[in-house]
Amino acid sequence: MQKDLCMYRGDDKTYIICAQTPDGSARPFEDGDTVYFTVRKRQSDRALVLQKIMTSFDENGAAILQIAYEDTKELYPTDYLYDVQLTDKQGKRHTIVGTNTFRLLEDQTYE
């Protein structure tokens, strides 16, 4: 998964999220894992702009992040901050993608 993300407000977008162990080898997600994609306006904000929680994974152990039209259609186009966290089946938390930019671009077509 690329670090900074960019999409148009109101679009449907899919991202594939994978994890690695500290030695760089693949760490497939498994039953009992929970992956969180969290977007906030600023790091100090407690309020969520968007959060997606993934608990089922594809045959390769990747999480499929699906951002739907409804998720962003009412959001103001600007730069937000996001991160991705794994809570494994033992309850331990791991940051997979640290704080990066989630850029929401203004769309011109309203349906």
PDB file of N, CA and C in Angstrom:
ATOM      1  N   MET A   1       0.858  -1.185   0.000  1.00  0.00           N
ATOM      2  CA  MET A   1       0.000   0.000   0.000  1.00  0.00           C
ATOM      3  C   MET A   1       0.891   1.230   0.000  1.00  0.00           C
ATOM      4  N   GLN A   2       0.613   2.138  -0.931  1.00  0.00           N
ATOM      5  CA  GLN A   2       1.384   3.373  -0.972  1.00  0.00           C
ATOM      6  C   GLN A   2       1.144   4.164   0.298  1.00  0.00           C
ATOM      7  N   LYS A   3       2.063   5.055   0.612  1.00  0.00           N
ATOM      8  CA  LYS A   3       1.943   5.791   1.881  1.00  0.00           C
ATOM      9  C   LYS A   3       0.903   6.902   1.811  1.00  0.00           C
ATOM     10  N   ASP A   4       1.102   7.918   0.950  1.00  0.00           N
ATOM     11  CA  ASP A   4       0.099   8.965   0.810  1.00  0.00           C
ATOM     12  C   ASP A   4      -0.990   8.465  -0.135  1.00  0.00           C
ATOM     13  N   LEU A   5      -2.245   8.704   0.220  1.00  0.00           N
ATOM     14  CA  LEU A   5      -3.366   8.270  -0.597  1.00  0.00           C
ATOM     15  C   LEU A   5      -4.097   9.488  -1.139  1.00  0.00           C
ATOM     16  N   CYS A   6      -4.638   9.338  -2.343  1.00  0.00           N
ATOM     17  CA  CYS A   6      -5.340  10.436  -2.989  1.00  0.00           C
ATOM     18  C   CYS A   6      -6.527   9.861  -3.753  1.00  0.00           C
ATOM     19  N   MET A   7      -7.689  10.494  -3.583  1.00  0.00           N
ATOM     20  CA  MET A   7      -8.869  10.072  -4.330  1.00  0.00           C
ATOM     21  C   MET A   7      -9.829  11.244  -4.449  1.00  0.00           C
ATOM     22  N   TYR A   8     -10.777  11.134  -5.386  1.00  0.00           N
ATOM     23  CA  TYR A   8     -11.808  12.150  -5.543  1.00  0.00           C
ATOM     24  C   TYR A   8     -12.968  11.879  -4.600  1.00  0.00           C
ATOM     25  N   ARG A   9     -13.492  12.939  -4.026  1.00  0.00           N
ATOM     26  CA  ARG A   9     -14.673  12.845  -3.166  1.00  0.00           C
ATOM     27  C   ARG A   9     -15.797  12.162  -3.948  1.00  0.00           C
ATOM     28  N   GLY A  10     -16.439  11.192  -3.324  1.00  0.00           N
ATOM     29  CA  GLY A  10     -17.567  10.516  -3.928  1.00  0.00           C
ATOM     30  C   GLY A  10     -17.219   9.361  -4.847  1.00  0.00           C
ATOM     31  N   ASP A  11     -15.932   9.090  -5.057  1.00  0.00           N
ATOM     32  CA  ASP A  11     -15.544   7.941  -5.877  1.00  0.00           C
ATOM     33  C   ASP A  11     -15.561   6.671  -5.047  1.00  0.00           C
ATOM     34  N   ASP A  12     -15.599   5.548  -5.735  1.00  0.00           N
ATOM     35  CA  ASP A  12     -15.373   4.246  -5.119  1.00  0.00           C
ATOM     36  C   ASP A  12     -13.909   3.903  -5.345  1.00  0.00           C
ATOM     37  N   LYS A  13     -13.228   3.457  -4.306  1.00  0.00           N
ATOM     38  CA  LYS A  13     -11.795   3.161  -4.416  1.00  0.00           C
ATOM     39  C   LYS A  13     -11.486   1.930  -3.580  1.00  0.00           C
ATOM     40  N   THR A  14     -10.595   1.085  -4.098  1.00  0.00           N
ATOM     41  CA  THR A  14     -10.179  -0.122  -3.388  1.00  0.00           C
ATOM     42  C   THR A  14      -8.670  -0.105  -3.226  1.00  0.00           C
ATOM     43  N   TYR A  15      -8.219  -0.403  -2.024  1.00  0.00           N
ATOM     44  CA  TYR A  15      -6.791  -0.533  -1.729  1.00  0.00           C
ATOM     45  C   TYR A  15      -6.544  -1.914  -1.137  1.00  0.00           C
ATOM     46  N   ILE A  16      -5.396  -2.484  -1.430  1.00  0.00           N
ATOM     47  CA  ILE A  16      -4.977  -3.766  -0.874  1.00  0.00           C
ATOM     48  C   ILE A  16      -3.990  -3.469   0.253  1.00  0.00           C
ATOM     49  N   ILE A  17      -4.258  -4.005   1.438  1.00  0.00           N
ATOM     50  CA  ILE A  17      -3.382  -3.785   2.593  1.00  0.00           C
ATOM     51  C   ILE A  17      -2.711  -5.098   2.958  1.00  0.00           C
ATOM     52  N   CYS A  18      -1.384  -5.063   3.004  1.00  0.00           N
ATOM     53  CA  CYS A  18      -0.579  -6.219   3.411  1.00  0.00           C
ATOM     54  C   CYS A  18       0.315  -5.791   4.560  1.00  0.00           C
ATOM     55  N   ALA A  19       0.790  -6.761   5.301  1.00  0.00           N
ATOM     56  CA  ALA A  19       1.679  -6.467   6.431  1.00  0.00           C
ATOM     57  C   ALA A  19       2.973  -7.250   6.265  1.00  0.00           C
ATOM     58  N   GLN A  20       3.994  -6.789   6.965  1.00  0.00           N
ATOM     59  CA  GLN A  20       5.289  -7.457   6.983  1.00  0.00           C
ATOM     60  C   GLN A  20       5.751  -7.642   8.414  1.00  0.00           C
ATOM     61  N   THR A  21       6.571  -8.666   8.610  1.00  0.00           N
ATOM     62  CA  THR A  21       7.220  -8.871   9.900  1.00  0.00           C
ATOM     63  C   THR A  21       8.403  -7.915   9.992  1.00  0.00           C
ATOM     64  N   PRO A  22       9.006  -7.747  11.160  1.00  0.00           N
ATOM     65  CA  PRO A  22      10.159  -6.847  11.278  1.00  0.00           C
ATOM     66  C   PRO A  22      11.321  -7.204  10.330  1.00  0.00           C
ATOM     67  N   ASP A  23      11.439  -8.479   9.947  1.00  0.00           N
ATOM     68  CA  ASP A  23      12.528  -8.853   9.034  1.00  0.00           C
ATOM     69  C   ASP A  23      12.169  -8.649   7.559  1.00  0.00           C
ATOM     70  N   GLY A  24      10.956  -8.121   7.288  1.00  0.00           N
ATOM     71  CA  GLY A  24      10.565  -7.809   5.926  1.00  0.00           C
ATOM     72  C   GLY A  24       9.802  -8.901   5.196  1.00  0.00           C
ATOM     73  N   SER A  25       9.621 -10.045   5.835  1.00  0.00           N
ATOM     74  CA  SER A  25       8.862 -11.111   5.178  1.00  0.00           C
ATOM     75  C   SER A  25       7.357 -10.840   5.324  1.00  0.00           C
ATOM     76  N   ALA A  26       6.585 -11.424   4.429  1.00  0.00           N
ATOM     77  CA  ALA A  26       5.137 -11.217   4.436  1.00  0.00           C
ATOM     78  C   ALA A  26       4.530 -11.765   5.721  1.00  0.00           C
ATOM     79  N   ARG A  27       3.556 -11.040   6.230  1.00  0.00           N
ATOM     80  CA  ARG A  27       2.807 -11.466   7.405  1.00  0.00           C
ATOM     81  C   ARG A  27       1.329 -11.455   7.018  1.00  0.00           C
ATOM     82  N   PRO A  28       0.803 -12.574   6.489  1.00  0.00           N
ATOM     83  CA  PRO A  28      -0.606 -12.597   6.088  1.00  0.00           C
ATOM     84  C   PRO A  28      -1.530 -12.380   7.282  1.00  0.00           C
ATOM     85  N   PHE A  29      -2.617 -11.659   7.054  1.00  0.00           N
ATOM     86  CA  PHE A  29      -3.650 -11.535   8.070  1.00  0.00           C
ATOM     87  C   PHE A  29      -4.380 -12.870   8.169  1.00  0.00           C
ATOM     88  N   GLU A  30      -4.921 -13.150   9.364  1.00  0.00           N
ATOM     89  CA  GLU A  30      -5.582 -14.431   9.582  1.00  0.00           C
ATOM     90  C   GLU A  30      -6.839 -14.244  10.421  1.00  0.00           C
ATOM     91  N   ASP A  31      -7.631 -15.297  10.497  1.00  0.00           N
ATOM     92  CA  ASP A  31      -8.847 -15.247  11.312  1.00  0.00           C
ATOM     93  C   ASP A  31      -8.499 -14.773  12.714  1.00  0.00           C
ATOM     94  N   GLY A  32      -9.292 -13.841  13.222  1.00  0.00           N
ATOM     95  CA  GLY A  32      -9.056 -13.287  14.549  1.00  0.00           C
ATOM     96  C   GLY A  32      -8.330 -11.958  14.521  1.00  0.00           C
ATOM     97  N   ASP A  33      -7.708 -11.606  13.387  1.00  0.00           N
ATOM     98  CA  ASP A  33      -7.062 -10.303  13.229  1.00  0.00           C
ATOM     99  C   ASP A  33      -8.108  -9.253  12.889  1.00  0.00           C
ATOM    100  N   THR A  34      -7.831  -8.007  13.284  1.00  0.00           N
ATOM    101  CA  THR A  34      -8.676  -6.872  12.908  1.00  0.00           C
ATOM    102  C   THR A  34      -7.762  -5.762  12.402  1.00  0.00           C
ATOM    103  N   VAL A  35      -8.071  -5.255  11.211  1.00  0.00           N
ATOM    104  CA  VAL A  35      -7.284  -4.178  10.602  1.00  0.00           C
ATOM    105  C   VAL A  35      -8.150  -2.923  10.584  1.00  0.00           C
ATOM    106  N   TYR A  36      -7.590  -1.818  11.071  1.00  0.00           N
ATOM    107  CA  TYR A  36      -8.293  -0.539  11.152  1.00  0.00           C
ATOM    108  C   TYR A  36      -7.644   0.472  10.209  1.00  0.00           C
ATOM    109  N   PHE A  37      -8.443   1.092   9.370  1.00  0.00           N
ATOM    110  CA  PHE A  37      -8.032   2.231   8.552  1.00  0.00           C
ATOM    111  C   PHE A  37      -8.760   3.433   9.139  1.00  0.00           C
ATOM    112  N   THR A  38      -8.016   4.400   9.673  1.00  0.00           N
ATOM    113  CA  THR A  38      -8.606   5.516  10.406  1.00  0.00           C
ATOM    114  C   THR A  38      -8.157   6.844   9.811  1.00  0.00           C
ATOM    115  N   VAL A  39      -9.119   7.740   9.571  1.00  0.00           N
ATOM    116  CA  VAL A  39      -8.848   9.064   9.009  1.00  0.00           C
ATOM    117  C   VAL A  39      -9.345  10.121   9.994  1.00  0.00           C
ATOM    118  N   ARG A  40      -8.485  11.099  10.249  1.00  0.00           N
ATOM    119  CA  ARG A  40      -8.828  12.246  11.099  1.00  0.00           C
ATOM    120  C   ARG A  40      -8.364  13.525  10.399  1.00  0.00           C
ATOM    121  N   LYS A  41      -8.948  14.654  10.804  1.00  0.00           N
ATOM    122  CA  LYS A  41      -8.532  15.947  10.237  1.00  0.00           C
ATOM    123  C   LYS A  41      -7.126  16.306  10.701  1.00  0.00           C
ATOM    124  N   ARG A  42      -6.877  16.177  11.984  1.00  0.00           N
ATOM    125  CA  ARG A  42      -5.576  16.467  12.584  1.00  0.00           C
ATOM    126  C   ARG A  42      -5.251  15.366  13.588  1.00  0.00           C
ATOM    127  N   GLN A  43      -3.995  15.191  13.889  1.00  0.00           N
ATOM    128  CA  GLN A  43      -3.605  14.153  14.847  1.00  0.00           C
ATOM    129  C   GLN A  43      -4.226  14.379  16.210  1.00  0.00           C
ATOM    130  N   SER A  44      -4.413  15.630  16.582  1.00  0.00           N
ATOM    131  CA  SER A  44      -4.953  15.939  17.912  1.00  0.00           C
ATOM    132  C   SER A  44      -6.463  15.751  17.993  1.00  0.00           C
ATOM    133  N   ASP A  45      -7.133  15.574  16.855  1.00  0.00           N
ATOM    134  CA  ASP A  45      -8.593  15.399  16.854  1.00  0.00           C
ATOM    135  C   ASP A  45      -8.971  14.022  17.374  1.00  0.00           C
ATOM    136  N   ARG A  46      -9.969  13.983  18.209  1.00  0.00           N
ATOM    137  CA  ARG A  46     -10.515  12.699  18.674  1.00  0.00           C
ATOM    138  C   ARG A  46     -11.606  12.200  17.723  1.00  0.00           C
ATOM    139  N   ALA A  47     -12.248  13.155  17.034  1.00  0.00           N
ATOM    140  CA  ALA A  47     -13.343  12.798  16.133  1.00  0.00           C
ATOM    141  C   ALA A  47     -12.807  12.126  14.873  1.00  0.00           C
ATOM    142  N   LEU A  48     -13.481  11.060  14.476  1.00  0.00           N
ATOM    143  CA  LEU A  48     -13.120  10.354  13.254  1.00  0.00           C
ATOM    144  C   LEU A  48     -13.781  11.015  12.051  1.00  0.00           C
ATOM    145  N   VAL A  49     -13.035  11.126  10.970  1.00  0.00           N
ATOM    146  CA  VAL A  49     -13.602  11.538   9.695  1.00  0.00           C
ATOM    147  C   VAL A  49     -14.126  10.302   8.976  1.00  0.00           C
ATOM    148  N   LEU A  50     -13.356   9.214   9.050  1.00  0.00           N
ATOM    149  CA  LEU A  50     -13.702   7.961   8.389  1.00  0.00           C
ATOM    150  C   LEU A  50     -12.942   6.834   9.069  1.00  0.00           C
ATOM    151  N   GLN A  51     -13.605   5.716   9.276  1.00  0.00           N
ATOM    152  CA  GLN A  51     -12.904   4.531   9.769  1.00  0.00           C
ATOM    153  C   GLN A  51     -13.508   3.301   9.110  1.00  0.00           C
ATOM    154  N   LYS A  52     -12.628   2.441   8.635  1.00  0.00           N
ATOM    155  CA  LYS A  52     -13.030   1.165   8.052  1.00  0.00           C
ATOM    156  C   LYS A  52     -12.361   0.065   8.870  1.00  0.00           C
ATOM    157  N   ILE A  53     -13.135  -0.961   9.213  1.00  0.00           N
ATOM    158  CA  ILE A  53     -12.626  -2.076  10.017  1.00  0.00           C
ATOM    159  C   ILE A  53     -12.752  -3.336   9.176  1.00  0.00           C
ATOM    160  N   MET A  54     -11.637  -4.043   9.013  1.00  0.00           N
ATOM    161  CA  MET A  54     -11.599  -5.250   8.191  1.00  0.00           C
ATOM    162  C   MET A  54     -11.274  -6.461   9.045  1.00  0.00           C
ATOM    163  N   THR A  55     -12.128  -7.472   8.960  1.00  0.00           N
ATOM    164  CA  THR A  55     -11.933  -8.696   9.749  1.00  0.00           C
ATOM    165  C   THR A  55     -11.920  -9.952   8.880  1.00  0.00           C
ATOM    166  N   SER A  56     -12.123  -9.795   7.582  1.00  0.00           N
ATOM    167  CA  SER A  56     -11.994 -10.932   6.669  1.00  0.00           C
ATOM    168  C   SER A  56     -10.985 -10.548   5.591  1.00  0.00           C
ATOM    169  N   PHE A  57     -10.285 -11.547   5.086  1.00  0.00           N
ATOM    170  CA  PHE A  57      -9.124 -11.293   4.234  1.00  0.00           C
ATOM    171  C   PHE A  57      -9.168 -12.191   3.010  1.00  0.00           C
ATOM    172  N   ASP A  58      -8.454 -11.786   1.956  1.00  0.00           N
ATOM    173  CA  ASP A  58      -8.480 -12.587   0.736  1.00  0.00           C
ATOM    174  C   ASP A  58      -7.629 -13.844   0.897  1.00  0.00           C
ATOM    175  N   GLU A  59      -7.572 -14.653  -0.156  1.00  0.00           N
ATOM    176  CA  GLU A  59      -6.876 -15.943  -0.086  1.00  0.00           C
ATOM    177  C   GLU A  59      -5.375 -15.808   0.151  1.00  0.00           C
ATOM    178  N   ASN A  60      -4.820 -14.609  -0.069  1.00  0.00           N
ATOM    179  CA  ASN A  60      -3.398 -14.365   0.192  1.00  0.00           C
ATOM    180  C   ASN A  60      -3.148 -13.746   1.561  1.00  0.00           C
ATOM    181  N   GLY A  61      -4.215 -13.546   2.321  1.00  0.00           N
ATOM    182  CA  GLY A  61      -4.069 -12.949   3.644  1.00  0.00           C
ATOM    183  C   GLY A  61      -3.994 -11.436   3.621  1.00  0.00           C
ATOM    184  N   ALA A  62      -4.449 -10.805   2.532  1.00  0.00           N
ATOM    185  CA  ALA A  62      -4.454  -9.343   2.435  1.00  0.00           C
ATOM    186  C   ALA A  62      -5.822  -8.806   2.841  1.00  0.00           C
ATOM    187  N   ALA A  63      -5.828  -7.613   3.396  1.00  0.00           N
ATOM    188  CA  ALA A  63      -7.083  -6.926   3.719  1.00  0.00           C
ATOM    189  C   ALA A  63      -7.478  -6.079   2.516  1.00  0.00           C
ATOM    190  N   ILE A  64      -8.754  -6.089   2.181  1.00  0.00           N
ATOM    191  CA  ILE A  64      -9.254  -5.296   1.066  1.00  0.00           C
ATOM    192  C   ILE A  64     -10.008  -4.100   1.646  1.00  0.00           C
ATOM    193  N   LEU A  65      -9.422  -2.920   1.490  1.00  0.00           N
ATOM    194  CA  LEU A  65     -10.027  -1.680   1.964  1.00  0.00           C
ATOM    195  C   LEU A  65     -10.905  -1.128   0.849  1.00  0.00           C
ATOM    196  N   GLN A  66     -12.189  -1.050   1.084  1.00  0.00           N
ATOM    197  CA  GLN A  66     -13.121  -0.512   0.102  1.00  0.00           C
ATOM    198  C   GLN A  66     -13.720   0.779   0.632  1.00  0.00           C
ATOM    199  N   ILE A  67     -13.412   1.861  -0.069  1.00  0.00           N
ATOM    200  CA  ILE A  67     -13.990   3.158   0.268  1.00  0.00           C
ATOM    201  C   ILE A  67     -15.079   3.419  -0.762  1.00  0.00           C
ATOM    202  N   ALA A  68     -16.301   3.562  -0.284  1.00  0.00           N
ATOM    203  CA  ALA A  68     -17.454   3.714  -1.164  1.00  0.00           C
ATOM    204  C   ALA A  68     -17.841   5.182  -1.320  1.00  0.00           C
ATOM    205  N   TYR A  69     -18.606   5.440  -2.351  1.00  0.00           N
ATOM    206  CA  TYR A  69     -19.156   6.765  -2.622  1.00  0.00           C
ATOM    207  C   TYR A  69     -19.725   7.402  -1.360  1.00  0.00           C
ATOM    208  N   GLU A  70     -20.513   6.645  -0.611  1.00  0.00           N
ATOM    209  CA  GLU A  70     -21.179   7.167   0.584  1.00  0.00           C
ATOM    210  C   GLU A  70     -20.197   7.586   1.674  1.00  0.00           C
ATOM    211  N   ASP A  71     -19.008   6.998   1.665  1.00  0.00           N
ATOM    212  CA  ASP A  71     -18.023   7.295   2.709  1.00  0.00           C
ATOM    213  C   ASP A  71     -17.451   8.701   2.597  1.00  0.00           C
ATOM    214  N   THR A  72     -17.382   9.244   1.372  1.00  0.00           N
ATOM    215  CA  THR A  72     -16.710  10.534   1.177  1.00  0.00           C
ATOM    216  C   THR A  72     -17.582  11.613   0.552  1.00  0.00           C
ATOM    217  N   LYS A  73     -18.785  11.283   0.125  1.00  0.00           N
ATOM    218  CA  LYS A  73     -19.598  12.243  -0.642  1.00  0.00           C
ATOM    219  C   LYS A  73     -19.894  13.536   0.124  1.00  0.00           C
ATOM    220  N   GLU A  74     -19.940  13.490   1.444  1.00  0.00           N
ATOM    221  CA  GLU A  74     -20.252  14.678   2.247  1.00  0.00           C
ATOM    222  C   GLU A  74     -19.006  15.315   2.874  1.00  0.00           C
ATOM    223  N   LEU A  75     -17.835  14.769   2.613  1.00  0.00           N
ATOM    224  CA  LEU A  75     -16.615  15.300   3.219  1.00  0.00           C
ATOM    225  C   LEU A  75     -16.089  16.493   2.431  1.00  0.00           C
ATOM    226  N   TYR A  76     -15.446  17.402   3.146  1.00  0.00           N
ATOM    227  CA  TYR A  76     -14.827  18.562   2.521  1.00  0.00           C
ATOM    228  C   TYR A  76     -13.531  18.119   1.844  1.00  0.00           C
ATOM    229  N   PRO A  77     -13.304  18.516   0.578  1.00  0.00           N
ATOM    230  CA  PRO A  77     -12.057  18.139  -0.092  1.00  0.00           C
ATOM    231  C   PRO A  77     -10.867  18.881   0.519  1.00  0.00           C
ATOM    232  N   THR A  78      -9.959  18.141   1.097  1.00  0.00           N
ATOM    233  CA  THR A  78      -8.777  18.710   1.746  1.00  0.00           C
ATOM    234  C   THR A  78      -7.828  17.570   2.078  1.00  0.00           C
ATOM    235  N   ASP A  79      -6.733  17.876   2.725  1.00  0.00           N
ATOM    236  CA  ASP A  79      -5.807  16.862   3.210  1.00  0.00           C
ATOM    237  C   ASP A  79      -6.192  16.444   4.622  1.00  0.00           C
ATOM    238  N   TYR A  80      -6.317  15.146   4.810  1.00  0.00           N
ATOM    239  CA  TYR A  80      -6.579  14.553   6.116  1.00  0.00           C
ATOM    240  C   TYR A  80      -5.368  13.704   6.480  1.00  0.00           C
ATOM    241  N   LEU A  81      -5.383  13.109   7.662  1.00  0.00           N
ATOM    242  CA  LEU A  81      -4.334  12.183   8.095  1.00  0.00           C
ATOM    243  C   LEU A  81      -4.952  10.812   8.308  1.00  0.00           C
ATOM    244  N   TYR A  82      -4.190   9.777   7.977  1.00  0.00           N
ATOM    245  CA  TYR A  82      -4.678   8.411   8.183  1.00  0.00           C
ATOM    246  C   TYR A  82      -3.555   7.537   8.702  1.00  0.00           C
ATOM    247  N   ASP A  83      -3.941   6.412   9.285  1.00  0.00           N
ATOM    248  CA  ASP A  83      -2.999   5.339   9.583  1.00  0.00           C
ATOM    249  C   ASP A  83      -3.734   4.014   9.476  1.00  0.00           C
ATOM    250  N   VAL A  84      -2.962   2.936   9.509  1.00  0.00           N
ATOM    251  CA  VAL A  84      -3.523   1.584   9.464  1.00  0.00           C
ATOM    252  C   VAL A  84      -2.939   0.820  10.635  1.00  0.00           C
ATOM    253  N   GLN A  85      -3.812   0.205  11.420  1.00  0.00           N
ATOM    254  CA  GLN A  85      -3.382  -0.549  12.607  1.00  0.00           C
ATOM    255  C   GLN A  85      -3.939  -1.964  12.553  1.00  0.00           C
ATOM    256  N   LEU A  86      -3.138  -2.892  13.004  1.00  0.00           N
ATOM    257  CA  LEU A  86      -3.554  -4.288  13.159  1.00  0.00           C
ATOM    258  C   LEU A  86      -3.681  -4.585  14.643  1.00  0.00           C
ATOM    259  N   THR A  87      -4.813  -5.172  15.027  1.00  0.00           N
ATOM    260  CA  THR A  87      -4.932  -5.797  16.337  1.00  0.00           C
ATOM    261  C   THR A  87      -4.977  -7.289  16.049  1.00  0.00           C
ATOM    262  N   ASP A  88      -3.921  -8.000  16.453  1.00  0.00           N
ATOM    263  CA  ASP A  88      -3.853  -9.420  16.109  1.00  0.00           C
ATOM    264  C   ASP A  88      -4.752 -10.251  17.019  1.00  0.00           C
ATOM    265  N   LYS A  89      -4.856 -11.530  16.694  1.00  0.00           N
ATOM    266  CA  LYS A  89      -5.799 -12.375  17.436  1.00  0.00           C
ATOM    267  C   LYS A  89      -5.409 -12.550  18.900  1.00  0.00           C
ATOM    268  N   GLN A  90      -4.174 -12.203  19.266  1.00  0.00           N
ATOM    269  CA  GLN A  90      -3.769 -12.222  20.676  1.00  0.00           C
ATOM    270  C   GLN A  90      -4.065 -10.892  21.367  1.00  0.00           C
ATOM    271  N   GLY A  91      -4.599  -9.911  20.614  1.00  0.00           N
ATOM    272  CA  GLY A  91      -4.935  -8.613  21.189  1.00  0.00           C
ATOM    273  C   GLY A  91      -3.804  -7.604  21.158  1.00  0.00           C
ATOM    274  N   LYS A  92      -2.678  -7.941  20.526  1.00  0.00           N
ATOM    275  CA  LYS A  92      -1.555  -7.003  20.432  1.00  0.00           C
ATOM    276  C   LYS A  92      -1.767  -6.071  19.248  1.00  0.00           C
ATOM    277  N   ARG A  93      -1.422  -4.798  19.459  1.00  0.00           N
ATOM    278  CA  ARG A  93      -1.615  -3.774  18.428  1.00  0.00           C
ATOM    279  C   ARG A  93      -0.301  -3.487  17.714  1.00  0.00           C
ATOM    280  N   HIS A  94      -0.405  -3.344  16.386  1.00  0.00           N
ATOM    281  CA  HIS A  94       0.762  -3.076  15.544  1.00  0.00           C
ATOM    282  C   HIS A  94       0.372  -2.022  14.508  1.00  0.00           C
ATOM    283  N   THR A  95       1.157  -0.965  14.389  1.00  0.00           N
ATOM    284  CA  THR A  95       0.923   0.022  13.343  1.00  0.00           C
ATOM    285  C   THR A  95       1.538  -0.513  12.062  1.00  0.00           C
ATOM    286  N   ILE A  96       0.705  -0.666  11.032  1.00  0.00           N
ATOM    287  CA  ILE A  96       1.165  -1.181   9.744  1.00  0.00           C
ATOM    288  C   ILE A  96       1.615  -0.037   8.851  1.00  0.00           C
ATOM    289  N   VAL A  97       0.826   1.035   8.819  1.00  0.00           N
ATOM    290  CA  VAL A  97       1.171   2.251   8.077  1.00  0.00           C
ATOM    291  C   VAL A  97       1.032   3.398   9.057  1.00  0.00           C
ATOM    292  N   GLY A  98       2.129   4.088   9.308  1.00  0.00           N
ATOM    293  CA  GLY A  98       2.100   5.224  10.227  1.00  0.00           C
ATOM    294  C   GLY A  98       1.340   6.396   9.623  1.00  0.00           C
ATOM    295  N   THR A  99       1.258   7.480  10.345  1.00  0.00           N
ATOM    296  CA  THR A  99       0.492   8.648   9.912  1.00  0.00           C
ATOM    297  C   THR A  99       0.991   9.173   8.571  1.00  0.00           C
ATOM    298  N   ASN A 100       0.075   9.265   7.619  1.00  0.00           N
ATOM    299  CA  ASN A 100       0.347   9.775   6.287  1.00  0.00           C
ATOM    300  C   ASN A 100      -0.837  10.603   5.811  1.00  0.00           C
ATOM    301  N   THR A 101      -0.688  11.207   4.641  1.00  0.00           N
ATOM    302  CA  THR A 101      -1.718  12.076   4.086  1.00  0.00           C
ATOM    303  C   THR A 101      -2.769  11.274   3.327  1.00  0.00           C
ATOM    304  N   PHE A 102      -4.027  11.606   3.578  1.00  0.00           N
ATOM    305  CA  PHE A 102      -5.163  11.114   2.802  1.00  0.00           C
ATOM    306  C   PHE A 102      -5.757  12.347   2.132  1.00  0.00           C
ATOM    307  N   ARG A 103      -5.463  12.528   0.845  1.00  0.00           N
ATOM    308  CA  ARG A 103      -5.907  13.724   0.119  1.00  0.00           C
ATOM    309  C   ARG A 103      -7.225  13.433  -0.590  1.00  0.00           C
ATOM    310  N   LEU A 104      -8.228  14.235  -0.256  1.00  0.00           N
ATOM    311  CA  LEU A 104      -9.531  14.111  -0.883  1.00  0.00           C
ATOM    312  C   LEU A 104      -9.692  15.284  -1.844  1.00  0.00           C
ATOM    313  N   LEU A 105      -9.777  14.966  -3.135  1.00  0.00           N
ATOM    314  CA  LEU A 105      -9.882  15.993  -4.169  1.00  0.00           C
ATOM    315  C   LEU A 105     -11.342  16.336  -4.438  1.00  0.00           C
ATOM    316  N   GLU A 106     -11.561  17.567  -4.880  1.00  0.00           N
ATOM    317  CA  GLU A 106     -12.925  18.006  -5.185  1.00  0.00           C
ATOM    318  C   GLU A 106     -13.388  17.395  -6.505  1.00  0.00           C
ATOM    319  N   ASP A 107     -14.588  16.890  -6.498  1.00  0.00           N
ATOM    320  CA  ASP A 107     -15.180  16.357  -7.722  1.00  0.00           C
ATOM    321  C   ASP A 107     -16.023  17.432  -8.385  1.00  0.00           C
ATOM    322  N   GLN A 108     -16.276  17.262  -9.680  1.00  0.00           N
ATOM    323  CA  GLN A 108     -17.062  18.249 -10.425  1.00  0.00           C
ATOM    324  C   GLN A 108     -18.416  17.697 -10.870  1.00  0.00           C
ATOM    325  N   THR A 109     -18.602  16.391 -10.790  1.00  0.00           N
ATOM    326  CA  THR A 109     -19.848  15.770 -11.225  1.00  0.00           C
ATOM    327  C   THR A 109     -20.689  15.412 -10.024  1.00  0.00           C
ATOM    328  N   TYR A 110     -21.883  15.938  -9.977  1.00  0.00           N
ATOM    329  CA  TYR A 110     -22.796  15.635  -8.885  1.00  0.00           C
ATOM    330  C   TYR A 110     -23.980  14.863  -9.466  1.00  0.00           C
ATOM    331  N   GLU A 111     -24.212  13.655  -8.956  1.00  0.00           N
ATOM    332  CA  GLU A 111     -25.359  12.880  -9.445  1.00  0.00           C
ATOM    333  C   GLU A 111     -26.341  12.676  -8.336  1.00  0.00           C
TER     334      GLU A 111
END
